[in-house]
Amino acid sequence: MTISKHDLEKMTDLLEKGSTIAYIAKKFNKKYDYWEIYREVPDHSFLGKKRSISNRLKKLEKDELKVHRTQLINEIRGILDDLYKTSKKNFKKLIDIGEIIFK
């Protein structure tokens, strides 16, 4: 089932305000399941990304195939890029908040 645009906007807003995907899934549990929400929202929590990176690194430690290792490394780079973009966006928000507070 596809998430409606209206619900997706609500979910994205909740994520931007610090909610987790698990919280959003509980809130919308009658309409969508966790994995539908996870796939559709544009951003994930830092904790979720950290776990994703950690799991891929653990897999790298055990993996002996170079091709598979290269694929995992590329996935890790993509996740790290997402973390950087999100933290940069949040830093900008903090600066804007500080400017408003200290005017």
C-alpha atoms as a PDB file:
ATOM      1  CA  MET A   1       0.000   0.000   0.000  1.00  0.00           C
ATOM      2  CA  THR A   2       1.301   3.465  -0.858  1.00  0.00           C
ATOM      3  CA  ILE A   3       1.326   6.126   1.821  1.00  0.00           C
ATOM      4  CA  SER A   4      -0.858   9.107   0.970  1.00  0.00           C
ATOM      5  CA  LYS A   5       0.903  12.407   0.349  1.00  0.00           C
ATOM      6  CA  HIS A   6      -0.902  14.011   3.308  1.00  0.00           C
ATOM      7  CA  ASP A   7       0.170  11.243   5.723  1.00  0.00           C
ATOM      8  CA  LEU A   8       3.716  11.290   4.353  1.00  0.00           C
ATOM      9  CA  GLU A   9       3.935  15.031   5.032  1.00  0.00           C
ATOM     10  CA  LYS A  10       2.739  14.433   8.623  1.00  0.00           C
ATOM     11  CA  MET A  11       5.308  11.663   9.070  1.00  0.00           C
ATOM     12  CA  THR A  12       8.116  13.796   7.665  1.00  0.00           C
ATOM     13  CA  ASP A  13       7.135  16.644   9.979  1.00  0.00           C
ATOM     14  CA  LEU A  14       7.214  14.298  12.972  1.00  0.00           C
ATOM     15  CA  LEU A  15      10.656  13.045  11.960  1.00  0.00           C
ATOM     16  CA  GLU A  16      11.956  16.594  11.621  1.00  0.00           C
ATOM     17  CA  LYS A  17      10.677  17.295  15.136  1.00  0.00           C
ATOM     18  CA  GLY A  18      12.665  14.377  16.524  1.00  0.00           C
ATOM     19  CA  SER A  19      10.189  11.474  16.451  1.00  0.00           C
ATOM     20  CA  THR A  20      11.404   8.005  15.622  1.00  0.00           C
ATOM     21  CA  ILE A  21      10.054   5.785  12.886  1.00  0.00           C
ATOM     22  CA  ALA A  22       8.883   3.367  15.598  1.00  0.00           C
ATOM     23  CA  TYR A  23       6.791   6.147  17.178  1.00  0.00           C
ATOM     24  CA  ILE A  24       5.346   7.111  13.789  1.00  0.00           C
ATOM     25  CA  ALA A  25       4.541   3.460  13.047  1.00  0.00           C
ATOM     26  CA  LYS A  26       2.613   3.217  16.336  1.00  0.00           C
ATOM     27  CA  LYS A  27       0.742   6.399  15.541  1.00  0.00           C
ATOM     28  CA  PHE A  28      -0.228   5.207  12.036  1.00  0.00           C
ATOM     29  CA  ASN A  29      -0.408   1.477  12.844  1.00  0.00           C
ATOM     30  CA  LYS A  30      -3.932   0.984  11.561  1.00  0.00           C
ATOM     31  CA  LYS A  31      -3.057   2.301   8.089  1.00  0.00           C
ATOM     32  CA  TYR A  32       0.614   1.389   7.487  1.00  0.00           C
ATOM     33  CA  ASP A  33       3.208  -0.978   8.884  1.00  0.00           C
ATOM     34  CA  TYR A  34       6.701  -0.074  10.066  1.00  0.00           C
ATOM     35  CA  TRP A  35       8.526  -1.111   6.888  1.00  0.00           C
ATOM     36  CA  GLU A  36       6.178   0.827   4.593  1.00  0.00           C
ATOM     37  CA  ILE A  37       6.886   3.940   6.626  1.00  0.00           C
ATOM     38  CA  TYR A  38      10.630   3.213   6.761  1.00  0.00           C
ATOM     39  CA  ARG A  39      10.827   2.932   2.956  1.00  0.00           C
ATOM     40  CA  GLU A  40       8.740   6.043   2.256  1.00  0.00           C
ATOM     41  CA  VAL A  41       9.971   8.700   4.687  1.00  0.00           C
ATOM     42  CA  PRO A  42      12.812  10.809   3.322  1.00  0.00           C
ATOM     43  CA  ASP A  43      15.003  10.664   6.395  1.00  0.00           C
ATOM     44  CA  HIS A  44      15.826   8.269   9.201  1.00  0.00           C
ATOM     45  CA  SER A  45      17.073   8.806  12.724  1.00  0.00           C
ATOM     46  CA  PHE A  46      20.761   9.067  13.562  1.00  0.00           C
ATOM     47  CA  LEU A  47      20.379   5.996  15.743  1.00  0.00           C
ATOM     48  CA  GLY A  48      18.887   4.045  12.841  1.00  0.00           C
ATOM     49  CA  LYS A  49      21.714   5.111  10.551  1.00  0.00           C
ATOM     50  CA  LYS A  50      24.294   4.283  13.213  1.00  0.00           C
ATOM     51  CA  ARG A  51      22.847   0.792  13.603  1.00  0.00           C
ATOM     52  CA  SER A  52      22.791   0.376   9.854  1.00  0.00           C
ATOM     53  CA  ILE A  53      26.469   1.331   9.587  1.00  0.00           C
ATOM     54  CA  SER A  54      27.408  -0.894  12.538  1.00  0.00           C
ATOM     55  CA  ASN A  55      25.608  -3.900  11.069  1.00  0.00           C
ATOM     56  CA  ARG A  56      27.283  -3.442   7.700  1.00  0.00           C
ATOM     57  CA  LEU A  57      30.698  -3.125   9.333  1.00  0.00           C
ATOM     58  CA  LYS A  58      30.082  -6.330  11.298  1.00  0.00           C
ATOM     59  CA  LYS A  59      29.177  -8.007   8.037  1.00  0.00           C
ATOM     60  CA  LEU A  60      32.413  -6.698   6.483  1.00  0.00           C
ATOM     61  CA  GLU A  61      34.439  -8.261   9.275  1.00  0.00           C
ATOM     62  CA  LYS A  62      33.038 -11.685   8.444  1.00  0.00           C
ATOM     63  CA  ASP A  63      32.821 -11.329   4.679  1.00  0.00           C
ATOM     64  CA  GLU A  64      35.502 -12.918   2.548  1.00  0.00           C
ATOM     65  CA  LEU A  65      34.233 -11.994  -0.929  1.00  0.00           C
ATOM     66  CA  LYS A  66      35.801  -8.839  -2.318  1.00  0.00           C
ATOM     67  CA  VAL A  67      32.813  -8.045  -4.591  1.00  0.00           C
ATOM     68  CA  HIS A  68      30.375  -8.186  -1.699  1.00  0.00           C
ATOM     69  CA  ARG A  69      32.752  -6.133   0.452  1.00  0.00           C
ATOM     70  CA  THR A  70      32.879  -3.380  -2.189  1.00  0.00           C
ATOM     71  CA  GLN A  71      29.066  -3.274  -2.310  1.00  0.00           C
ATOM     72  CA  LEU A  72      28.896  -2.920   1.488  1.00  0.00           C
ATOM     73  CA  ILE A  73      31.517  -0.176   1.488  1.00  0.00           C
ATOM     74  CA  ASN A  74      29.478   1.772  -1.077  1.00  0.00           C
ATOM     75  CA  GLU A  75      26.349   1.396   1.077  1.00  0.00           C
ATOM     76  CA  ILE A  76      28.268   2.666   4.117  1.00  0.00           C
ATOM     77  CA  ARG A  77      29.511   5.682   2.165  1.00  0.00           C
ATOM     78  CA  GLY A  78      25.929   6.508   1.141  1.00  0.00           C
ATOM     79  CA  ILE A  79      24.706   6.298   4.724  1.00  0.00           C
ATOM     80  CA  LEU A  80      27.568   8.468   5.947  1.00  0.00           C
ATOM     81  CA  ASP A  81      26.750  11.056   3.268  1.00  0.00           C
ATOM     82  CA  ASP A  82      23.134  11.071   4.510  1.00  0.00           C
ATOM     83  CA  LEU A  83      24.351  11.598   8.083  1.00  0.00           C
ATOM     84  CA  TYR A  84      26.503  14.514   6.984  1.00  0.00           C
ATOM     85  CA  LYS A  85      23.659  16.179   5.065  1.00  0.00           C
ATOM     86  CA  THR A  86      21.241  15.749   7.969  1.00  0.00           C
ATOM     87  CA  SER A  87      23.680  17.093  10.543  1.00  0.00           C
ATOM     88  CA  LYS A  88      24.487  20.049   8.282  1.00  0.00           C
ATOM     89  CA  LYS A  89      20.763  20.819   7.935  1.00  0.00           C
ATOM     90  CA  ASN A  90      20.259  20.536  11.709  1.00  0.00           C
ATOM     91  CA  PHE A  91      23.258  22.775  12.384  1.00  0.00           C
ATOM     92  CA  LYS A  92      21.726  25.439  10.131  1.00  0.00           C
ATOM     93  CA  LYS A  93      18.446  25.155  12.056  1.00  0.00           C
ATOM     94  CA  LEU A  94      20.294  25.619  15.358  1.00  0.00           C
ATOM     95  CA  ILE A  95      22.012  28.747  14.044  1.00  0.00           C
ATOM     96  CA  ASP A  96      18.662  30.168  12.908  1.00  0.00           C
ATOM     97  CA  ILE A  97      17.119  29.408  16.320  1.00  0.00           C
ATOM     98  CA  GLY A  98      20.055  31.044  18.086  1.00  0.00           C
ATOM     99  CA  GLU A  99      19.710  34.173  15.959  1.00  0.00           C
ATOM    100  CA  ILE A 100      16.014  34.436  16.826  1.00  0.00           C
ATOM    101  CA  ILE A 101      16.581  33.883  20.550  1.00  0.00           C
ATOM    102  CA  PHE A 102      19.446  36.355  20.907  1.00  0.00           C
ATOM    103  CA  LYS A 103      17.940  39.231  18.924  1.00  0.00           C
END
